[in-house]
Protein backbone atom coordinates (compact mmCIF):
# COMPACT_ATOMS: atom_id res chain seq x y z
CA MET A 1 26.28 -13.24 2.51
CA PRO A 2 24.33 -14.64 -0.43
CA ALA A 3 22.57 -12.15 -2.55
CA SER A 4 19.29 -14.04 -2.09
CA VAL A 5 19.31 -12.75 1.52
CA ARG A 6 18.45 -9.17 0.57
CA ARG A 7 14.82 -8.15 0.64
CA ARG A 8 12.86 -5.18 -0.17
CA PRO A 9 14.70 -2.13 1.08
CA HIS A 10 14.82 -2.30 4.82
CA PRO A 11 16.88 -0.65 7.52
CA ARG A 12 18.81 -3.68 8.81
CA LEU A 13 22.60 -4.33 8.69
CA ARG A 14 23.93 -7.07 6.44
CA ARG A 15 24.60 -10.27 8.31
CA THR A 16 26.93 -13.15 7.44
CA ALA A 17 25.78 -16.82 7.14
CA ALA A 18 28.48 -17.70 9.67
CA ALA A 19 26.87 -15.33 12.24
CA PHE A 20 23.60 -17.17 11.65
CA VAL A 21 24.96 -20.71 12.08
CA SER A 22 26.70 -19.76 15.37
CA GLY A 23 23.48 -18.09 16.71
CA LEU A 24 21.11 -20.80 15.74
CA ALA A 25 20.04 -21.66 19.30
CA LEU A 26 16.29 -21.50 19.85
CA ALA A 27 15.33 -18.82 22.34
CA LEU A 28 11.53 -18.74 22.57
CA ALA A 29 10.24 -16.02 24.86
CA LEU A 30 6.57 -15.81 24.75
CA PRO A 31 3.77 -15.50 27.36
CA ALA A 32 0.79 -17.99 27.29
CA GLN A 33 -2.83 -17.21 27.80
CA ALA A 34 -6.10 -18.51 26.65
CA SER A 35 -7.86 -17.17 23.66
CA SER A 36 -11.52 -17.49 22.38
CA ALA A 37 -12.72 -20.41 20.33
CA PRO A 38 -12.96 -19.65 16.60
CA PRO A 39 -16.45 -19.08 15.17
CA GLY A 40 -18.51 -21.62 13.24
CA PRO A 41 -19.56 -25.28 13.68
CA GLU A 42 -16.75 -27.14 15.40
CA ARG A 43 -15.74 -30.84 15.83
CA ALA A 44 -14.34 -31.79 19.23
CA ALA A 45 -11.01 -29.94 19.95
CA ALA A 46 -8.11 -32.11 18.87
CA THR A 47 -4.31 -31.63 19.54
CA ALA A 48 -1.89 -30.53 16.95
CA ALA A 49 -0.40 -34.03 16.89
CA ALA A 50 -3.75 -35.44 15.90
CA GLU A 51 -4.29 -32.96 13.05
CA LEU A 52 -0.88 -32.20 11.64
CA PRO A 53 2.21 -34.46 11.19
CA SER A 54 5.35 -33.96 12.99
CA SER A 55 7.14 -33.90 9.64
CA PHE A 56 6.17 -33.03 6.09
CA ARG A 57 6.83 -34.20 2.46
CA TRP A 58 5.80 -32.33 -0.62
CA SER A 59 5.84 -32.56 -4.31
CA SER A 60 6.38 -29.35 -6.24
CA SER A 61 4.87 -28.16 -9.57
CA GLY A 62 7.21 -26.36 -11.98
CA PRO A 63 6.84 -22.55 -12.25
CA LEU A 64 3.12 -21.79 -12.53
CA ILE A 65 3.08 -17.93 -12.50
CA ALA A 66 5.77 -15.77 -14.11
CA PRO A 67 6.35 -12.18 -14.90
CA LYS A 68 4.41 -10.83 -18.03
CA PRO A 69 6.23 -7.63 -18.78
CA ASP A 70 4.90 -5.03 -21.09
CA ALA A 71 6.04 -1.52 -22.16
CA SER A 72 4.95 0.15 -18.84
CA HIS A 73 5.88 -2.75 -16.72
CA PRO A 74 9.41 -4.21 -17.28
CA VAL A 75 8.83 -6.78 -14.56
CA VAL A 76 11.50 -9.25 -13.63
CA SER A 77 9.95 -11.13 -10.79
CA VAL A 78 6.67 -12.12 -9.16
CA LYS A 79 6.70 -13.16 -5.48
CA ASP A 80 4.98 -13.03 -2.00
CA PRO A 81 1.72 -14.66 -3.25
CA THR A 82 -1.64 -14.58 -1.47
CA VAL A 83 -4.52 -16.67 -2.80
CA VAL A 84 -8.32 -17.16 -2.32
CA GLN A 85 -11.08 -18.96 -4.19
CA ALA A 86 -14.21 -16.86 -4.81
CA ASN A 87 -17.05 -16.85 -7.37
CA GLY A 88 -15.70 -20.06 -8.98
CA LYS A 89 -12.18 -18.59 -9.56
CA TRP A 90 -8.84 -18.60 -7.86
CA HIS A 91 -7.47 -15.04 -7.31
CA VAL A 92 -3.79 -14.67 -6.73
CA PHE A 93 -2.08 -11.45 -5.65
CA MET A 94 1.53 -10.93 -5.65
CA THR A 95 4.49 -8.59 -5.32
CA THR A 96 6.24 -7.51 -8.50
CA ALA A 97 9.76 -6.01 -9.03
CA ASN A 98 10.91 -4.18 -12.23
CA THR A 99 14.18 -3.64 -13.78
CA SER A 100 14.57 -0.35 -11.77
CA GLY A 101 13.98 -2.17 -8.44
CA THR A 102 10.54 -0.63 -8.07
CA TRP A 103 8.15 -2.84 -5.96
CA SER A 104 4.42 -2.98 -6.79
CA LEU A 105 1.37 -5.48 -6.81
CA ALA A 106 -0.28 -7.60 -9.46
CA GLN A 107 -3.29 -9.84 -9.69
CA THR A 108 -4.26 -12.80 -11.82
CA SER A 109 -7.42 -14.99 -11.85
CA PHE A 110 -8.21 -18.47 -13.33
CA THR A 111 -10.74 -21.22 -12.72
CA ASP A 112 -8.24 -24.19 -12.59
CA TRP A 113 -4.55 -24.34 -11.73
CA SER A 114 -3.77 -25.82 -15.13
CA GLN A 115 -4.62 -22.26 -16.46
CA ALA A 116 -2.38 -20.35 -14.03
CA ALA A 117 0.63 -20.00 -16.42
CA SER A 118 -1.44 -18.57 -19.30
CA ALA A 119 -3.82 -16.22 -17.20
CA PRO A 120 -3.05 -12.53 -17.61
CA LEU A 121 -1.47 -10.47 -15.01
CA THR A 122 -3.03 -7.12 -14.06
CA TYR A 123 -0.63 -4.64 -12.49
CA LEU A 124 -2.46 -2.78 -9.63
CA ASP A 125 -0.63 0.42 -10.29
CA THR A 126 -3.14 0.72 -13.22
CA ASN A 127 -5.75 1.26 -10.48
CA PRO A 128 -5.51 5.01 -9.89
CA ASN A 129 -6.51 4.45 -6.16
CA ILE A 130 -3.28 2.48 -5.60
CA GLY A 131 -1.06 4.11 -8.27
CA THR A 132 2.69 3.77 -8.43
CA ARG A 133 3.57 3.97 -4.82
CA TYR A 134 5.67 1.37 -3.11
CA ALA A 135 3.50 -1.72 -2.31
CA ALA A 136 4.46 -5.21 -1.38
CA ALA A 137 3.78 -8.44 0.38
CA PRO A 138 -0.15 -8.70 0.12
CA GLN A 139 -2.62 -10.75 2.00
CA VAL A 140 -6.20 -11.18 0.88
CA PHE A 141 -9.28 -12.34 2.78
CA TYR A 142 -12.99 -11.63 3.15
CA PHE A 143 -13.85 -10.02 6.44
CA ALA A 144 -17.32 -11.53 7.06
CA PRO A 145 -18.50 -9.21 9.86
CA LYS A 146 -18.52 -6.33 7.51
CA GLY A 147 -19.08 -8.17 4.13
CA VAL A 148 -15.97 -6.58 2.60
CA TRP A 149 -12.79 -7.95 1.10
CA TYR A 150 -9.38 -6.71 2.58
CA LEU A 151 -6.10 -6.63 0.72
CA VAL A 152 -3.44 -6.04 3.38
CA TYR A 153 0.08 -4.96 2.29
CA GLN A 154 2.96 -2.78 3.18
CA THR A 155 3.46 0.80 1.76
CA GLY A 156 6.10 1.17 4.33
CA PRO A 157 3.58 0.89 7.31
CA PRO A 158 1.03 -1.90 7.33
CA SER A 159 -1.86 -0.76 5.04
CA TYR A 160 -5.00 -2.03 3.47
CA SER A 161 -7.43 -1.62 0.55
CA THR A 162 -10.95 -2.84 0.43
CA SER A 163 -13.35 -4.14 -2.32
CA THR A 164 -16.61 -5.97 -2.68
CA ASP A 165 -15.33 -7.80 -5.83
CA PRO A 166 -11.83 -9.45 -5.35
CA GLY A 167 -11.79 -10.37 -9.13
CA ASN A 168 -11.90 -6.69 -10.22
CA PRO A 169 -8.42 -5.11 -9.95
CA GLN A 170 -9.88 -1.58 -10.41
CA SER A 171 -12.27 -2.01 -7.49
CA TRP A 172 -9.63 -1.77 -4.70
CA SER A 173 -9.78 1.44 -2.64
CA ALA A 174 -6.79 3.65 -1.84
CA PRO A 175 -4.67 2.29 0.89
CA ARG A 176 -5.12 3.30 4.52
CA THR A 177 -2.78 2.46 7.33
CA PHE A 178 -3.62 0.41 10.30
CA GLN A 179 -3.64 2.60 13.46
CA ASN A 180 -0.80 1.73 15.89
CA ALA A 181 -0.48 -1.51 14.20
CA ALA A 182 3.14 -2.84 14.33
CA PRO A 183 6.54 -1.67 15.74
CA SER A 184 8.75 0.39 13.57
CA GLY A 185 10.92 -1.40 11.21
CA THR A 186 8.61 -4.43 10.70
CA LEU A 187 7.29 -5.98 7.48
CA ASP A 188 5.25 -8.78 5.96
CA TYR A 189 2.09 -8.14 7.84
CA TRP A 190 -0.52 -10.83 8.47
CA VAL A 191 -4.10 -10.52 9.86
CA ILE A 192 -5.95 -13.38 11.45
CA CYS A 193 -9.15 -13.24 13.74
CA ASP A 194 -10.98 -15.45 16.14
CA SER A 195 -14.53 -14.76 17.28
CA THR A 196 -13.65 -11.66 19.35
CA LYS A 197 -10.27 -10.42 18.29
CA CYS A 198 -8.22 -9.67 15.15
CA TYR A 199 -4.48 -9.99 15.44
CA LEU A 200 -1.67 -8.54 13.33
CA PHE A 201 1.60 -10.42 12.99
CA SER A 202 4.71 -9.05 11.62
CA ALA A 203 8.55 -9.71 11.28
CA ASP A 204 11.59 -7.50 11.63
CA ASP A 205 14.27 -9.46 9.64
CA ASN A 206 15.99 -9.75 12.91
CA GLY A 207 14.54 -12.93 14.56
CA HIS A 208 11.48 -11.27 16.18
CA VAL A 209 7.86 -12.00 15.66
CA TYR A 210 5.42 -9.46 16.82
CA ARG A 211 1.64 -9.51 17.38
CA SER A 212 -0.77 -6.63 17.77
CA GLU A 213 -4.49 -6.89 18.60
CA THR A 214 -7.89 -5.13 18.19
CA THR A 215 -11.44 -6.28 18.61
CA VAL A 216 -13.43 -7.67 15.81
CA GLY A 217 -15.83 -4.78 16.17
CA GLU A 218 -13.01 -2.17 15.90
CA PHE A 219 -11.18 -3.80 12.98
CA PRO A 220 -9.44 -2.44 10.96
CA GLY A 221 -8.79 0.19 13.64
CA GLY A 222 -7.74 0.05 17.24
CA PHE A 223 -4.66 -2.15 17.02
CA ARG A 224 -2.79 -2.09 20.34
CA ASN A 225 -1.08 -4.18 22.98
CA THR A 226 1.85 -5.07 20.60
CA GLN A 227 4.00 -8.01 21.99
CA LEU A 228 7.00 -10.03 21.09
CA VAL A 229 5.67 -13.59 20.80
CA LEU A 230 8.56 -15.39 19.22
CA GLN A 231 12.28 -14.88 19.15
CA ASP A 232 15.39 -16.52 17.72
CA ALA A 233 18.56 -15.84 15.76
CA ALA A 234 18.07 -13.26 12.92
CA PHE A 235 18.10 -15.70 10.05
CA ALA A 236 15.96 -18.33 11.95
CA LEU A 237 12.98 -16.11 12.16
CA PHE A 238 13.50 -13.86 9.08
CA GLU A 239 10.32 -12.82 7.38
CA GLY A 240 7.34 -14.12 5.19
CA GLY A 241 5.21 -15.20 8.10
CA ALA A 242 1.62 -16.51 8.16
CA VAL A 243 -0.74 -17.92 10.79
CA TYR A 244 -3.61 -20.37 10.26
CA ARG A 245 -6.39 -21.99 12.15
CA VAL A 246 -6.47 -25.75 11.79
CA GLN A 247 -10.13 -26.63 10.76
CA GLY A 248 -12.24 -27.95 13.56
CA THR A 249 -9.67 -27.37 16.43
CA ASP A 250 -8.26 -24.66 18.70
CA THR A 251 -4.88 -25.31 17.20
CA TYR A 252 -3.09 -22.57 15.21
CA LEU A 253 -0.17 -23.08 12.82
CA LEU A 254 2.53 -20.49 12.39
CA LEU A 255 4.83 -20.55 9.47
CA TRP A 256 7.98 -18.54 9.22
CA GLU A 257 10.62 -18.22 6.62
CA ALA A 258 14.16 -18.85 7.60
CA ILE A 259 17.65 -18.69 5.83
CA GLY A 260 19.65 -21.82 6.23
CA GLY A 261 23.24 -22.47 6.73
CA ASP A 262 23.48 -22.93 2.93
CA GLY A 263 22.01 -19.48 2.33
CA ARG A 264 18.80 -20.93 0.99
CA ARG A 265 15.33 -20.04 2.16
CA HIS A 266 12.88 -22.40 3.79
CA TYR A 267 9.95 -22.70 6.17
CA ARG A 268 9.64 -23.54 9.91
CA SER A 269 6.42 -24.32 11.64
CA PHE A 270 5.08 -23.84 15.10
CA THR A 271 1.74 -24.55 16.73
CA ALA A 272 -0.23 -23.08 19.68
CA GLN A 273 -3.62 -23.56 21.31
CA GLY A 274 -5.27 -20.29 20.67
CA LEU A 275 -3.83 -17.18 18.96
CA THR A 276 -2.36 -15.90 22.27
CA GLY A 277 -1.08 -19.42 23.29
CA GLN A 278 2.54 -20.46 23.51
CA TRP A 279 4.13 -21.28 20.19
CA GLN A 280 5.90 -24.69 20.22
CA PRO A 281 8.11 -26.01 17.43
CA LEU A 282 6.49 -28.53 15.15
CA ALA A 283 8.65 -29.03 12.07
CA ALA A 284 11.14 -26.30 12.73
CA THR A 285 14.75 -27.39 11.97
CA GLU A 286 16.76 -27.61 8.72
CA ALA A 287 16.80 -31.39 9.18
CA ASN A 288 13.07 -31.51 9.78
CA PRO A 289 11.59 -28.32 8.24
CA PHE A 290 8.02 -27.53 7.21
CA ALA A 291 9.18 -26.93 3.64
CA ARG A 292 12.72 -26.97 2.37
CA SER A 293 14.51 -28.46 -0.67
CA ASN A 294 15.34 -31.60 1.41
CA ASN A 295 11.62 -32.52 1.95
CA VAL A 296 10.44 -31.52 -1.56
CA THR A 297 10.53 -33.61 -4.76
CA PHE A 298 10.41 -31.91 -8.19
CA PRO A 299 8.90 -34.46 -10.62
CA SER A 300 9.57 -32.09 -13.65
CA GLY A 301 13.03 -31.06 -12.42
CA ALA A 302 14.41 -29.08 -9.52
CA TRP A 303 13.89 -25.53 -10.73
CA THR A 304 14.55 -24.01 -7.39
CA ALA A 305 16.58 -24.50 -4.17
CA ASP A 306 14.49 -22.03 -2.26
CA ILE A 307 11.07 -22.42 -0.80
CA SER A 308 10.35 -18.81 -0.03
CA HIS A 309 7.68 -16.40 0.83
CA GLY A 310 4.36 -18.28 0.30
CA GLU A 311 0.93 -19.08 1.56
CA LEU A 312 -1.14 -22.23 2.29
CA ILE A 313 -4.29 -22.59 0.25
CA ARG A 314 -7.09 -22.25 2.79
CA SER A 315 -10.31 -24.18 3.03
CA GLY A 316 -12.34 -20.89 3.14
CA ASN A 317 -11.61 -17.30 2.40
CA ASP A 318 -12.61 -15.40 5.55
CA GLN A 319 -10.68 -13.69 8.32
CA THR A 320 -10.21 -16.93 10.31
CA MET A 321 -7.59 -18.15 7.93
CA THR A 322 -8.72 -21.82 8.28
CA ILE A 323 -6.88 -24.64 6.63
CA ASP A 324 -7.95 -28.27 6.12
CA PRO A 325 -4.86 -30.39 7.41
CA CYS A 326 -5.83 -33.24 5.13
CA ARG A 327 -5.45 -31.18 1.90
CA LEU A 328 -2.24 -29.03 2.42
CA ARG A 329 -1.03 -27.15 -0.72
CA PHE A 330 1.42 -24.32 -0.43
CA LEU A 331 1.94 -21.56 -3.22
CA TYR A 332 5.45 -20.26 -2.81
CA GLN A 333 8.21 -18.37 -4.68
CA GLY A 334 11.27 -20.11 -6.02
CA MET A 335 13.96 -19.19 -8.46
CA ASN A 336 16.71 -20.65 -10.61
CA PRO A 337 19.38 -21.84 -8.19
CA SER A 338 22.22 -20.20 -10.23
CA ALA A 339 20.76 -16.73 -10.12
CA GLY A 340 22.41 -13.99 -8.17
CA GLY A 341 22.72 -10.20 -7.82
CA ASP A 342 20.60 -7.52 -6.19
CA TYR A 343 17.55 -8.91 -4.36
CA SER A 344 15.14 -6.87 -6.40
CA GLN A 345 16.46 -8.34 -9.62
CA LEU A 346 16.30 -12.12 -8.62
CA PRO A 347 13.95 -14.07 -11.01
CA TRP A 348 11.30 -15.18 -8.61
CA ARG A 349 8.47 -17.36 -9.95
CA LEU A 350 5.55 -18.93 -8.25
CA GLY A 351 5.07 -22.71 -7.76
CA LEU A 352 2.73 -24.98 -5.90
CA LEU A 353 3.67 -27.68 -3.26
CA THR A 354 1.32 -30.46 -2.61
CA GLN A 355 1.74 -32.50 0.51
CA THR A 356 2.40 -36.26 -0.13
CA ASN A 357 2.47 -37.68 3.46
CA SER A 358 -0.91 -36.65 4.80
CA SER A 359 -2.25 -39.12 7.36
CA CYS A 360 -5.92 -38.30 6.62
């Protein structure tokens, strides 16, 4: 099995690429039920086919954000990005790994993407509320009902910190864990809300996607009713999931990272009508992926063969995770294709995809 398969420490057996290829038959087992409409002014509801293409084409930047090691932070990779725009700046949070294989978080801010490479990184272990504990896989959003920013990440269990200023790395509170939020052994947590409920999605590196729920009023507490909502072979639904509302519709887009028969990482996509609706494949195969090396061009040179753990740039910054289907951009992690070794030491960098086949 390629070294790039390994992740943050996680209690799963190693699996071979051959086992993945032989098991790559879709087995979607998920109940369907209606959900409440998202908040805010709406256009007439449209189908996924009208809003999103059935196939995607992208152009990639070169690496935009790279490690900036210092004496206290011998960092070798930056990965798992989450990004929002607030107060005139882009704020990107990410996982870091150092030469000892220790996982932590970092933050950078800039006004324009042309400044991303030169913008300083602030390591969040310098915030005494977060400290040097294990922390990884962040997601950031503004929870409008309470007027507070949330940084969701894993400290083992799903956890969160809060702030009133996402641009101030020292403002984040000490992490607290979500109550009864996800099955044991899961990782890469993702929160999204509609007008009445908030949902927590998670992966288990074993082909299962889970969803827990609470009410908007109870959030961040009260998560319950955990369900298995999507299932496939282990490498076909691996990790790095995200869910978005398509602007002006009741359509939701689920992205999940997979590992292909070539051992390289890519993204599959699914859509559903409502957050508790049935997830249907959109661009979900290696031949027709959401984002993979075979549908991405690299004008400055192919610096990566992996399109790994990333996040779409949203049209807003609140808990509805809304995207504009006419302006898709995807901030992702990639690495030198010749790199190998322990997963924690792989030289991940962050690059930006821009969709080139939008029909809008």
